[in-house]
Amino acid sequence: MEETIVQTDAGAVAVRRTAGELPPEDSVATILLHGAAGSWTTWRPLIAALEADRGGPVPDLVVPDLPGWGASPADPSALDAAVLADAVAEVTRALRYRRWRVVGHSLGGFVALELAVREPAAIESVVVVSATVFGARADRLSGRGMLLRYAPLVLLLAGMRVLASLGRGGPALVRTLDRWGVLRVLVSPLFRVRVPGVAHELARDLRPAAFARAVAAARAYPAGERWARIQCPVLAIRGDHDVFVPARDDARLAALIPGWRTVVLPGTGHFAHVEHPTAVARLVTASMGRNTPSRSRHNGVLRPLDR
């Protein structure tokens, strides 16, 4: 893949895309949007799995660092779902794509759903991986309600606020914890499968102020009203041990979004695309209408093909 910088209203956005000439105007982009604790690099396992399944490079991949993360600097206080979604749209159009498929993890899934509302003519499908969507009612939940229903995320947010208050000392503290091996223990509840080096990746890409702002924006976002407008099919993938996305949200979101479908991966935490990239890659490919994978299903549960 090759990197380019696209100027947007939210600032300069670094984006990786499949190497080569700019695409014909009838090409369909596959956009990968990372979560609030990472950058484009969290998609490397999935990209490798897609390439292995295809037998070569995947055409028309667009993988940005969202404004405020990675190599896309931005003022976190100015970021919300609309700003992030518009920046993704600006980037994708600058690369000459008029039609898009969007895959988003965690915060990226939240942005993908807002993008589907704002760009119905462009979006063909959405896949969300462990999207932290609060059952589409965060704007109606009190602080106590959030703590009762989403305690792990609320506790993580408290830690991020402390790190953000330390300024430059926050990331330095995280790197120190990584060197001491403490960070690996702290992030272990996010994963059901041990993934070597993942704590180091998180330490490098963590942006505490941007994380805290993302959660605040999600709390104020009227998801119930917005997402009922989504017209494209939405595939939701989550792990059965995801500490941020409880099973009770499934039915509420399926009732709200007409094209919503949920697949649960057993033995998986919050990072399904890192823990079981082959299974997720095949689901993503199937959502594009290509090469439907063989899979056993029982009550919405997919048995991971790469275990």
C-alpha atoms as a PDB file:
ATOM      1  CA  MET A   1       0.000   0.000   0.000  1.00  0.00           C
ATOM      2  CA  GLU A   2       1.084   3.584  -0.485  1.00  0.00           C
ATOM      3  CA  GLU A   3       0.526   6.595   1.759  1.00  0.00           C
ATOM      4  CA  THR A   4      -0.788   9.981   0.751  1.00  0.00           C
ATOM      5  CA  ILE A   5      -1.998  13.069   2.622  1.00  0.00           C
ATOM      6  CA  VAL A   6      -5.433  14.515   1.885  1.00  0.00           C
ATOM      7  CA  GLN A   7      -6.444  17.950   3.153  1.00  0.00           C
ATOM      8  CA  THR A   8      -9.906  17.949   4.730  1.00  0.00           C
ATOM      9  CA  ASP A   9     -11.969  20.390   6.773  1.00  0.00           C
ATOM     10  CA  ALA A  10     -10.803  18.465   9.862  1.00  0.00           C
ATOM     11  CA  GLY A  11      -7.140  18.836   8.887  1.00  0.00           C
ATOM     12  CA  ALA A  12      -4.563  16.774   7.023  1.00  0.00           C
ATOM     13  CA  VAL A  13      -5.498  13.083   6.904  1.00  0.00           C
ATOM     14  CA  ALA A  14      -2.903  10.379   6.268  1.00  0.00           C
ATOM     15  CA  VAL A  15      -4.386   7.543   4.220  1.00  0.00           C
ATOM     16  CA  ARG A  16      -3.025   4.284   2.831  1.00  0.00           C
ATOM     17  CA  ARG A  17      -4.493   2.889  -0.339  1.00  0.00           C
ATOM     18  CA  THR A  18      -3.776   0.010  -2.646  1.00  0.00           C
ATOM     19  CA  ALA A  19      -0.671   0.930  -4.634  1.00  0.00           C
ATOM     20  CA  GLY A  20      -1.065   1.833  -8.288  1.00  0.00           C
ATOM     21  CA  GLU A  21      -2.781   4.352 -10.486  1.00  0.00           C
ATOM     22  CA  LEU A  22      -5.931   6.127  -9.337  1.00  0.00           C
ATOM     23  CA  PRO A  23      -8.966   3.905  -9.960  1.00  0.00           C
ATOM     24  CA  PRO A  24     -11.601   4.150 -12.689  1.00  0.00           C
ATOM     25  CA  GLU A  25     -14.627   6.105 -11.497  1.00  0.00           C
ATOM     26  CA  ASP A  26     -16.800   2.963 -11.415  1.00  0.00           C
ATOM     27  CA  SER A  27     -14.529   1.241  -8.845  1.00  0.00           C
ATOM     28  CA  VAL A  28     -15.844   0.556  -5.335  1.00  0.00           C
ATOM     29  CA  ALA A  29     -13.613   1.464  -2.388  1.00  0.00           C
ATOM     30  CA  THR A  30     -13.345  -0.726   0.704  1.00  0.00           C
ATOM     31  CA  ILE A  31     -12.711   1.678   3.585  1.00  0.00           C
ATOM     32  CA  LEU A  32     -11.254   0.403   6.867  1.00  0.00           C
ATOM     33  CA  LEU A  33     -11.833   2.670   9.885  1.00  0.00           C
ATOM     34  CA  HIS A  34      -9.867   1.979  13.092  1.00  0.00           C
ATOM     35  CA  GLY A  35     -11.007   2.343  16.685  1.00  0.00           C
ATOM     36  CA  ALA A  36     -10.274   4.945  19.353  1.00  0.00           C
ATOM     37  CA  ALA A  37      -7.267   3.081  20.756  1.00  0.00           C
ATOM     38  CA  GLY A  38      -5.352   2.587  17.526  1.00  0.00           C
ATOM     39  CA  SER A  39      -4.498   3.729  14.035  1.00  0.00           C
ATOM     40  CA  TRP A  40      -4.563   2.187  10.568  1.00  0.00           C
ATOM     41  CA  THR A  41      -1.995  -0.385  11.746  1.00  0.00           C
ATOM     42  CA  THR A  42      -4.657  -2.327  13.692  1.00  0.00           C
ATOM     43  CA  TRP A  43      -5.946  -3.485  10.281  1.00  0.00           C
ATOM     44  CA  ARG A  44      -2.689  -5.192   9.266  1.00  0.00           C
ATOM     45  CA  PRO A  45      -3.823  -8.705  10.331  1.00  0.00           C
ATOM     46  CA  LEU A  46      -7.103  -8.329   8.433  1.00  0.00           C
ATOM     47  CA  ILE A  47      -5.391  -6.950   5.328  1.00  0.00           C
ATOM     48  CA  ALA A  48      -2.974  -9.900   5.379  1.00  0.00           C
ATOM     49  CA  ALA A  49      -5.903 -12.323   5.728  1.00  0.00           C
ATOM     50  CA  LEU A  50      -7.769 -10.670   2.843  1.00  0.00           C
ATOM     51  CA  GLU A  51      -4.648 -10.913   0.679  1.00  0.00           C
ATOM     52  CA  ALA A  52      -4.151 -14.577   1.588  1.00  0.00           C
ATOM     53  CA  ASP A  53      -7.772 -15.377   0.773  1.00  0.00           C
ATOM     54  CA  ARG A  54      -7.508 -13.530  -2.527  1.00  0.00           C
ATOM     55  CA  GLY A  55      -4.021 -14.736  -3.414  1.00  0.00           C
ATOM     56  CA  GLY A  56      -2.632 -11.245  -3.905  1.00  0.00           C
ATOM     57  CA  PRO A  57      -3.135  -7.539  -3.136  1.00  0.00           C
ATOM     58  CA  VAL A  58      -6.675  -6.386  -2.436  1.00  0.00           C
ATOM     59  CA  PRO A  59      -7.692  -3.670  -4.911  1.00  0.00           C
ATOM     60  CA  ASP A  60      -9.326  -0.403  -3.879  1.00  0.00           C
ATOM     61  CA  LEU A  61      -8.474  -0.531  -0.169  1.00  0.00           C
ATOM     62  CA  VAL A  62      -8.622   2.863   1.575  1.00  0.00           C
ATOM     63  CA  VAL A  63      -7.257   2.889   5.140  1.00  0.00           C
ATOM     64  CA  PRO A  64      -7.045   6.319   6.819  1.00  0.00           C
ATOM     65  CA  ASP A  65      -5.790   7.448  10.180  1.00  0.00           C
ATOM     66  CA  LEU A  66      -8.891   9.212  11.488  1.00  0.00           C
ATOM     67  CA  PRO A  67      -8.384  12.891  12.417  1.00  0.00           C
ATOM     68  CA  GLY A  68      -6.861  13.029  15.884  1.00  0.00           C
ATOM     69  CA  TRP A  69      -5.149   9.619  15.633  1.00  0.00           C
ATOM     70  CA  GLY A  70      -2.023   8.176  14.052  1.00  0.00           C
ATOM     71  CA  ALA A  71      -0.441  10.526  11.523  1.00  0.00           C
ATOM     72  CA  SER A  72      -3.575  12.715  11.188  1.00  0.00           C
ATOM     73  CA  PRO A  73      -3.174  15.546  13.723  1.00  0.00           C
ATOM     74  CA  ALA A  74      -6.318  17.384  14.818  1.00  0.00           C
ATOM     75  CA  ASP A  75      -7.719  19.213  17.818  1.00  0.00           C
ATOM     76  CA  PRO A  76      -9.641  16.500  19.742  1.00  0.00           C
ATOM     77  CA  SER A  77     -12.132  19.022  21.128  1.00  0.00           C
ATOM     78  CA  ALA A  78     -13.439  19.666  17.603  1.00  0.00           C
ATOM     79  CA  LEU A  79     -14.107  16.007  16.777  1.00  0.00           C
ATOM     80  CA  ASP A  80     -17.465  14.251  16.688  1.00  0.00           C
ATOM     81  CA  ALA A  81     -19.159  11.637  14.495  1.00  0.00           C
ATOM     82  CA  ALA A  82     -20.155  14.166  11.830  1.00  0.00           C
ATOM     83  CA  VAL A  83     -16.670  15.689  11.560  1.00  0.00           C
ATOM     84  CA  LEU A  84     -14.988  12.283  11.332  1.00  0.00           C
ATOM     85  CA  ALA A  85     -17.512  10.945   8.808  1.00  0.00           C
ATOM     86  CA  ASP A  86     -17.169  14.031   6.614  1.00  0.00           C
ATOM     87  CA  ALA A  87     -13.375  13.717   6.688  1.00  0.00           C
ATOM     88  CA  VAL A  88     -13.612  10.084   5.536  1.00  0.00           C
ATOM     89  CA  ALA A  89     -15.949  11.137   2.718  1.00  0.00           C
ATOM     90  CA  GLU A  90     -13.580  13.924   1.640  1.00  0.00           C
ATOM     91  CA  VAL A  91     -10.623  11.529   1.600  1.00  0.00           C
ATOM     92  CA  THR A  92     -12.447   8.863  -0.384  1.00  0.00           C
ATOM     93  CA  ARG A  93     -13.739  11.307  -2.973  1.00  0.00           C
ATOM     94  CA  ALA A  94     -10.272  12.828  -3.308  1.00  0.00           C
ATOM     95  CA  LEU A  95      -9.116   9.330  -4.295  1.00  0.00           C
ATOM     96  CA  ARG A  96     -11.817   9.321  -7.034  1.00  0.00           C
ATOM     97  CA  TYR A  97     -14.167   6.779  -5.492  1.00  0.00           C
ATOM     98  CA  ARG A  98     -17.888   7.393  -5.799  1.00  0.00           C
ATOM     99  CA  ARG A  99     -19.097   4.122  -4.253  1.00  0.00           C
ATOM    100  CA  TRP A 100     -17.876   2.695  -0.974  1.00  0.00           C
ATOM    101  CA  ARG A 101     -18.043  -0.307   1.321  1.00  0.00           C
ATOM    102  CA  VAL A 102     -17.114   0.577   4.896  1.00  0.00           C
ATOM    103  CA  VAL A 103     -15.649  -1.637   7.618  1.00  0.00           C
ATOM    104  CA  GLY A 104     -15.249  -0.046  11.048  1.00  0.00           C
ATOM    105  CA  HIS A 105     -13.910  -1.272  14.387  1.00  0.00           C
ATOM    106  CA  SER A 106     -15.206   0.167  17.677  1.00  0.00           C
ATOM    107  CA  LEU A 107     -15.177   3.959  17.165  1.00  0.00           C
ATOM    108  CA  GLY A 108     -14.667   3.294  13.447  1.00  0.00           C
ATOM    109  CA  GLY A 109     -17.927   1.343  13.421  1.00  0.00           C
ATOM    110  CA  PHE A 110     -19.688   4.285  15.034  1.00  0.00           C
ATOM    111  CA  VAL A 111     -18.283   6.572  12.323  1.00  0.00           C
ATOM    112  CA  ALA A 112     -19.206   4.054   9.604  1.00  0.00           C
ATOM    113  CA  LEU A 113     -22.852   4.107  10.697  1.00  0.00           C
ATOM    114  CA  GLU A 114     -22.945   7.913  10.681  1.00  0.00           C
ATOM    115  CA  LEU A 115     -21.350   7.820   7.237  1.00  0.00           C
ATOM    116  CA  ALA A 116     -24.141   5.519   6.051  1.00  0.00           C
ATOM    117  CA  VAL A 117     -26.671   8.123   7.213  1.00  0.00           C
ATOM    118  CA  ARG A 118     -24.859  11.026   5.550  1.00  0.00           C
ATOM    119  CA  GLU A 119     -23.894   9.296   2.298  1.00  0.00           C
ATOM    120  CA  PRO A 120     -26.734   6.896   1.349  1.00  0.00           C
ATOM    121  CA  ALA A 121     -26.030   7.165  -2.392  1.00  0.00           C
ATOM    122  CA  ALA A 122     -22.355   6.271  -1.963  1.00  0.00           C
ATOM    123  CA  ILE A 123     -22.435   3.503   0.661  1.00  0.00           C
ATOM    124  CA  GLU A 124     -23.147  -0.029  -0.562  1.00  0.00           C
ATOM    125  CA  SER A 125     -22.669  -1.864   2.745  1.00  0.00           C
ATOM    126  CA  VAL A 126     -21.308  -1.499   6.263  1.00  0.00           C
ATOM    127  CA  VAL A 127     -19.511  -4.010   8.465  1.00  0.00           C
ATOM    128  CA  VAL A 128     -18.993  -3.056  12.103  1.00  0.00           C
ATOM    129  CA  VAL A 129     -16.575  -5.014  14.280  1.00  0.00           C
ATOM    130  CA  SER A 130     -17.274  -4.622  17.994  1.00  0.00           C
ATOM    131  CA  ALA A 131     -18.861  -1.236  17.413  1.00  0.00           C
ATOM    132  CA  THR A 132     -19.322   0.484  20.772  1.00  0.00           C
ATOM    133  CA  VAL A 133     -22.783   1.835  20.062  1.00  0.00           C
ATOM    134  CA  PHE A 134     -24.441   1.698  23.529  1.00  0.00           C
ATOM    135  CA  GLY A 135     -27.546   0.058  22.131  1.00  0.00           C
ATOM    136  CA  ALA A 136     -28.209   3.363  20.298  1.00  0.00           C
ATOM    137  CA  ARG A 137     -29.366   5.071  23.489  1.00  0.00           C
ATOM    138  CA  ALA A 138     -26.291   6.609  25.124  1.00  0.00           C
ATOM    139  CA  ASP A 139     -27.840  10.078  24.834  1.00  0.00           C
ATOM    140  CA  ARG A 140     -30.725   8.822  27.015  1.00  0.00           C
ATOM    141  CA  LEU A 141     -28.636   7.098  29.689  1.00  0.00           C
ATOM    142  CA  SER A 142     -27.597   8.800  32.915  1.00  0.00           C
ATOM    143  CA  GLY A 143     -24.061   8.495  34.207  1.00  0.00           C
ATOM    144  CA  ARG A 144     -25.288   5.807  36.611  1.00  0.00           C
ATOM    145  CA  GLY A 145     -27.017   3.976  33.751  1.00  0.00           C
ATOM    146  CA  MET A 146     -23.813   4.015  31.730  1.00  0.00           C
ATOM    147  CA  LEU A 147     -21.837   2.633  34.664  1.00  0.00           C
ATOM    148  CA  LEU A 148     -24.353  -0.159  35.248  1.00  0.00           C
ATOM    149  CA  ARG A 149     -24.554  -1.215  31.600  1.00  0.00           C
ATOM    150  CA  TYR A 150     -21.058  -0.439  30.287  1.00  0.00           C
ATOM    151  CA  ALA A 151     -18.847  -0.490  33.393  1.00  0.00           C
ATOM    152  CA  PRO A 152     -15.609  -1.652  31.646  1.00  0.00           C
ATOM    153  CA  LEU A 153     -15.771   1.191  29.142  1.00  0.00           C
ATOM    154  CA  VAL A 154     -16.611   3.773  31.819  1.00  0.00           C
ATOM    155  CA  LEU A 155     -13.623   2.616  33.872  1.00  0.00           C
ATOM    156  CA  LEU A 156     -11.339   2.755  30.833  1.00  0.00           C
ATOM    157  CA  LEU A 157     -12.613   6.259  30.099  1.00  0.00           C
ATOM    158  CA  ALA A 158     -11.701   7.333  33.635  1.00  0.00           C
ATOM    159  CA  GLY A 159      -8.166   6.077  33.059  1.00  0.00           C
ATOM    160  CA  MET A 160      -7.945   7.909  29.746  1.00  0.00           C
ATOM    161  CA  ARG A 161      -9.039  11.158  31.364  1.00  0.00           C
ATOM    162  CA  VAL A 162      -6.271  10.799  33.933  1.00  0.00           C
ATOM    163  CA  LEU A 163      -3.716  10.171  31.179  1.00  0.00           C
ATOM    164  CA  ALA A 164      -5.034  13.135  29.176  1.00  0.00           C
ATOM    165  CA  SER A 165      -4.675  15.389  32.225  1.00  0.00           C
ATOM    166  CA  LEU A 166      -0.961  14.545  32.324  1.00  0.00           C
ATOM    167  CA  GLY A 167      -0.388  16.101  28.890  1.00  0.00           C
ATOM    168  CA  ARG A 168       2.763  14.709  27.293  1.00  0.00           C
ATOM    169  CA  GLY A 169       3.397  12.743  30.454  1.00  0.00           C
ATOM    170  CA  GLY A 170       0.386  10.516  29.698  1.00  0.00           C
ATOM    171  CA  PRO A 171       1.812   8.768  26.615  1.00  0.00           C
ATOM    172  CA  ALA A 172       5.210   8.594  28.320  1.00  0.00           C
ATOM    173  CA  LEU A 173       3.621   6.779  31.279  1.00  0.00           C
ATOM    174  CA  VAL A 174       1.893   4.335  28.917  1.00  0.00           C
ATOM    175  CA  ARG A 175       5.193   3.575  27.173  1.00  0.00           C
ATOM    176  CA  THR A 176       6.818   2.972  30.541  1.00  0.00           C
ATOM    177  CA  LEU A 177       4.063   0.555  31.533  1.00  0.00           C
ATOM    178  CA  ASP A 178       4.588  -1.203  28.211  1.00  0.00           C
ATOM    179  CA  ARG A 179       8.334  -1.582  28.851  1.00  0.00           C
ATOM    180  CA  TRP A 180       7.645  -3.025  32.297  1.00  0.00           C
ATOM    181  CA  GLY A 181       5.116  -5.515  30.903  1.00  0.00           C
ATOM    182  CA  VAL A 182       2.293  -4.001  32.997  1.00  0.00           C
ATOM    183  CA  LEU A 183       0.323  -2.724  30.010  1.00  0.00           C
ATOM    184  CA  ARG A 184      -0.046  -6.253  28.644  1.00  0.00           C
ATOM    185  CA  VAL A 185      -1.837  -7.220  31.859  1.00  0.00           C
ATOM    186  CA  LEU A 186      -4.002  -4.091  31.866  1.00  0.00           C
ATOM    187  CA  VAL A 187      -5.282  -4.614  28.302  1.00  0.00           C
ATOM    188  CA  SER A 188      -5.723  -8.378  28.607  1.00  0.00           C
ATOM    189  CA  PRO A 189      -9.513  -8.106  29.327  1.00  0.00           C
ATOM    190  CA  LEU A 190      -9.931  -6.684  25.811  1.00  0.00           C
ATOM    191  CA  PHE A 191      -8.664  -9.913  24.243  1.00  0.00           C
ATOM    192  CA  ARG A 192      -9.734 -13.530  24.535  1.00  0.00           C
ATOM    193  CA  VAL A 193      -6.841 -14.681  22.340  1.00  0.00           C
ATOM    194  CA  ARG A 194      -3.280 -13.765  23.239  1.00  0.00           C
ATOM    195  CA  VAL A 195      -1.801 -11.707  20.403  1.00  0.00           C
ATOM    196  CA  PRO A 196       1.975 -11.068  20.634  1.00  0.00           C
ATOM    197  CA  GLY A 197       2.982  -7.419  20.436  1.00  0.00           C
ATOM    198  CA  VAL A 198      -0.544  -6.014  20.660  1.00  0.00           C
ATOM    199  CA  ALA A 199       0.119  -4.102  23.905  1.00  0.00           C
ATOM    200  CA  HIS A 200       3.111  -2.420  22.264  1.00  0.00           C
ATOM    201  CA  GLU A 201       0.935  -1.385  19.309  1.00  0.00           C
ATOM    202  CA  LEU A 202      -1.668   0.107  21.626  1.00  0.00           C
ATOM    203  CA  ALA A 203       1.004   1.952  23.614  1.00  0.00           C
ATOM    204  CA  ARG A 204       2.356   3.533  20.445  1.00  0.00           C
ATOM    205  CA  ASP A 205      -1.014   4.616  19.040  1.00  0.00           C
ATOM    206  CA  LEU A 206      -2.907   5.602  22.198  1.00  0.00           C
ATOM    207  CA  ARG A 207      -4.342   9.142  22.149  1.00  0.00           C
ATOM    208  CA  PRO A 208      -6.014   9.637  25.564  1.00  0.00           C
ATOM    209  CA  ALA A 209      -7.562  13.053  24.826  1.00  0.00           C
ATOM    210  CA  ALA A 210      -8.977  11.875  21.494  1.00  0.00           C
ATOM    211  CA  PHE A 211     -10.330   8.710  23.163  1.00  0.00           C
ATOM    212  CA  ALA A 212     -12.087  10.720  25.876  1.00  0.00           C
ATOM    213  CA  ARG A 213     -13.545  13.098  23.293  1.00  0.00           C
ATOM    214  CA  ALA A 214     -14.793  10.178  21.176  1.00  0.00           C
ATOM    215  CA  VAL A 215     -16.727   8.705  24.113  1.00  0.00           C
ATOM    216  CA  ALA A 216     -18.182  12.120  24.986  1.00  0.00           C
ATOM    217  CA  ALA A 217     -19.317  12.581  21.372  1.00  0.00           C
ATOM    218  CA  ALA A 218     -20.917   9.125  21.388  1.00  0.00           C
ATOM    219  CA  ARG A 219     -22.755   9.954  24.632  1.00  0.00           C
ATOM    220  CA  ALA A 220     -24.320  13.042  23.029  1.00  0.00           C
ATOM    221  CA  TYR A 221     -25.096  11.437  19.663  1.00  0.00           C
ATOM    222  CA  PRO A 222     -28.814  10.797  18.882  1.00  0.00           C
ATOM    223  CA  ALA A 223     -28.196   7.329  17.445  1.00  0.00           C
ATOM    224  CA  GLY A 224     -31.802   6.215  17.767  1.00  0.00           C
ATOM    225  CA  GLU A 225     -32.959   8.924  15.381  1.00  0.00           C
ATOM    226  CA  ARG A 226     -29.948   8.856  13.059  1.00  0.00           C
ATOM    227  CA  TRP A 227     -29.493   5.132  12.466  1.00  0.00           C
ATOM    228  CA  ALA A 228     -33.137   4.445  11.657  1.00  0.00           C
ATOM    229  CA  ARG A 229     -32.364   6.217   8.355  1.00  0.00           C
ATOM    230  CA  ILE A 230     -29.687   3.726   7.273  1.00  0.00           C
ATOM    231  CA  GLN A 231     -30.641   2.110   3.967  1.00  0.00           C
ATOM    232  CA  CYS A 232     -27.741  -0.258   3.272  1.00  0.00           C
ATOM    233  CA  PRO A 233     -27.170  -3.709   4.816  1.00  0.00           C
ATOM    234  CA  VAL A 234     -25.171  -3.715   8.060  1.00  0.00           C
ATOM    235  CA  LEU A 235     -23.251  -6.745   9.319  1.00  0.00           C
ATOM    236  CA  ALA A 236     -22.245  -6.547  12.985  1.00  0.00           C
ATOM    237  CA  ILE A 237     -19.411  -8.817  14.156  1.00  0.00           C
ATOM    238  CA  ARG A 238     -18.609  -9.094  17.840  1.00  0.00           C
ATOM    239  CA  GLY A 239     -16.853 -11.481  20.178  1.00  0.00           C
ATOM    240  CA  ASP A 240     -18.730 -13.452  22.801  1.00  0.00           C
ATOM    241  CA  HIS A 241     -16.260 -12.088  25.395  1.00  0.00           C
ATOM    242  CA  ASP A 242     -16.357  -8.443  24.289  1.00  0.00           C
ATOM    243  CA  VAL A 243     -16.281  -6.380  27.491  1.00  0.00           C
ATOM    244  CA  PHE A 244     -17.549  -3.256  25.696  1.00  0.00           C
ATOM    245  CA  VAL A 245     -20.378  -4.617  23.505  1.00  0.00           C
ATOM    246  CA  PRO A 246     -22.892  -6.696  25.490  1.00  0.00           C
ATOM    247  CA  ALA A 247     -25.203  -9.221  23.870  1.00  0.00           C
ATOM    248  CA  ARG A 248     -28.275  -7.338  25.093  1.00  0.00           C
ATOM    249  CA  ASP A 249     -27.580  -4.596  22.526  1.00  0.00           C
ATOM    250  CA  ASP A 250     -28.117  -6.955  19.565  1.00  0.00           C
ATOM    251  CA  ALA A 251     -31.923  -7.054  19.539  1.00  0.00           C
ATOM    252  CA  ARG A 252     -32.281  -3.318  20.109  1.00  0.00           C
ATOM    253  CA  LEU A 253     -29.990  -2.481  17.183  1.00  0.00           C
ATOM    254  CA  ALA A 254     -31.601  -5.080  14.918  1.00  0.00           C
ATOM    255  CA  ALA A 255     -34.994  -3.487  15.576  1.00  0.00           C
ATOM    256  CA  LEU A 256     -33.622  -0.015  14.911  1.00  0.00           C
ATOM    257  CA  ILE A 257     -31.596  -0.582  11.724  1.00  0.00           C
ATOM    258  CA  PRO A 258     -33.576  -2.412   8.993  1.00  0.00           C
ATOM    259  CA  GLY A 259     -30.596  -4.170   7.396  1.00  0.00           C
ATOM    260  CA  TRP A 260     -28.836  -5.130  10.655  1.00  0.00           C
ATOM    261  CA  ARG A 261     -27.460  -8.669  11.099  1.00  0.00           C
ATOM    262  CA  THR A 262     -25.230  -9.887  13.935  1.00  0.00           C
ATOM    263  CA  VAL A 263     -22.581 -12.617  13.892  1.00  0.00           C
ATOM    264  CA  VAL A 264     -20.953 -13.634  17.179  1.00  0.00           C
ATOM    265  CA  LEU A 265     -17.446 -15.114  17.190  1.00  0.00           C
ATOM    266  CA  PRO A 266     -16.826 -17.541  20.082  1.00  0.00           C
ATOM    267  CA  GLY A 267     -13.620 -17.229  22.064  1.00  0.00           C
ATOM    268  CA  THR A 268     -13.156 -13.623  20.949  1.00  0.00           C
ATOM    269  CA  GLY A 269     -12.821 -10.273  22.714  1.00  0.00           C
ATOM    270  CA  HIS A 270     -13.054  -6.686  21.511  1.00  0.00           C
ATOM    271  CA  PHE A 271     -10.532  -7.020  18.647  1.00  0.00           C
ATOM    272  CA  ALA A 272     -12.030  -9.753  16.447  1.00  0.00           C
ATOM    273  CA  HIS A 273     -10.116  -8.563  13.369  1.00  0.00           C
ATOM    274  CA  VAL A 274      -6.846  -9.020  15.297  1.00  0.00           C
ATOM    275  CA  GLU A 275      -7.755 -12.178  17.214  1.00  0.00           C
ATOM    276  CA  HIS A 276      -9.403 -14.058  14.317  1.00  0.00           C
ATOM    277  CA  PRO A 277      -8.491 -12.155  11.138  1.00  0.00           C
ATOM    278  CA  THR A 278      -9.234 -15.018   8.729  1.00  0.00           C
ATOM    279  CA  ALA A 279     -12.786 -15.469  10.024  1.00  0.00           C
ATOM    280  CA  VAL A 280     -13.438 -11.725   9.885  1.00  0.00           C
ATOM    281  CA  ALA A 281     -11.864 -11.439   6.420  1.00  0.00           C
ATOM    282  CA  ARG A 282     -14.203 -14.098   5.049  1.00  0.00           C
ATOM    283  CA  LEU A 283     -17.219 -12.411   6.593  1.00  0.00           C
ATOM    284  CA  VAL A 284     -16.147  -9.077   5.100  1.00  0.00           C
ATOM    285  CA  THR A 285     -15.649 -10.700   1.706  1.00  0.00           C
ATOM    286  CA  ALA A 286     -19.057 -12.365   1.918  1.00  0.00           C
ATOM    287  CA  SER A 287     -20.670  -9.022   2.793  1.00  0.00           C
ATOM    288  CA  MET A 288     -19.323  -7.683  -0.499  1.00  0.00           C
ATOM    289  CA  GLY A 289     -21.215 -10.397  -2.355  1.00  0.00           C
ATOM    290  CA  ARG A 290     -18.115 -12.458  -3.148  1.00  0.00           C
ATOM    291  CA  ASN A 291     -17.211 -16.031  -2.308  1.00  0.00           C
ATOM    292  CA  THR A 292     -19.646 -16.736   0.512  1.00  0.00           C
ATOM    293  CA  PRO A 293     -17.603 -18.712   3.076  1.00  0.00           C
ATOM    294  CA  SER A 294     -18.530 -22.115   4.401  1.00  0.00           C
ATOM    295  CA  ARG A 295     -19.455 -21.687   8.042  1.00  0.00           C
ATOM    296  CA  SER A 296     -21.528 -23.368  10.714  1.00  0.00           C
ATOM    297  CA  ARG A 297     -24.114 -21.154  12.356  1.00  0.00           C
ATOM    298  CA  HIS A 298     -26.091 -21.747  15.513  1.00  0.00           C
ATOM    299  CA  ASN A 299     -28.230 -18.990  16.984  1.00  0.00           C
ATOM    300  CA  GLY A 300     -26.197 -16.333  15.211  1.00  0.00           C
ATOM    301  CA  VAL A 301     -22.830 -17.786  16.245  1.00  0.00           C
ATOM    302  CA  LEU A 302     -20.050 -18.321  13.725  1.00  0.00           C
ATOM    303  CA  ARG A 303     -17.378 -20.905  14.469  1.00  0.00           C
ATOM    304  CA  PRO A 304     -14.114 -19.112  13.575  1.00  0.00           C
ATOM    305  CA  LEU A 305     -12.459 -20.692  10.553  1.00  0.00           C
ATOM    306  CA  ASP A 306      -8.938 -19.791  11.645  1.00  0.00           C
ATOM    307  CA  ARG A 307      -8.971 -21.419  15.076  1.00  0.00           C
END
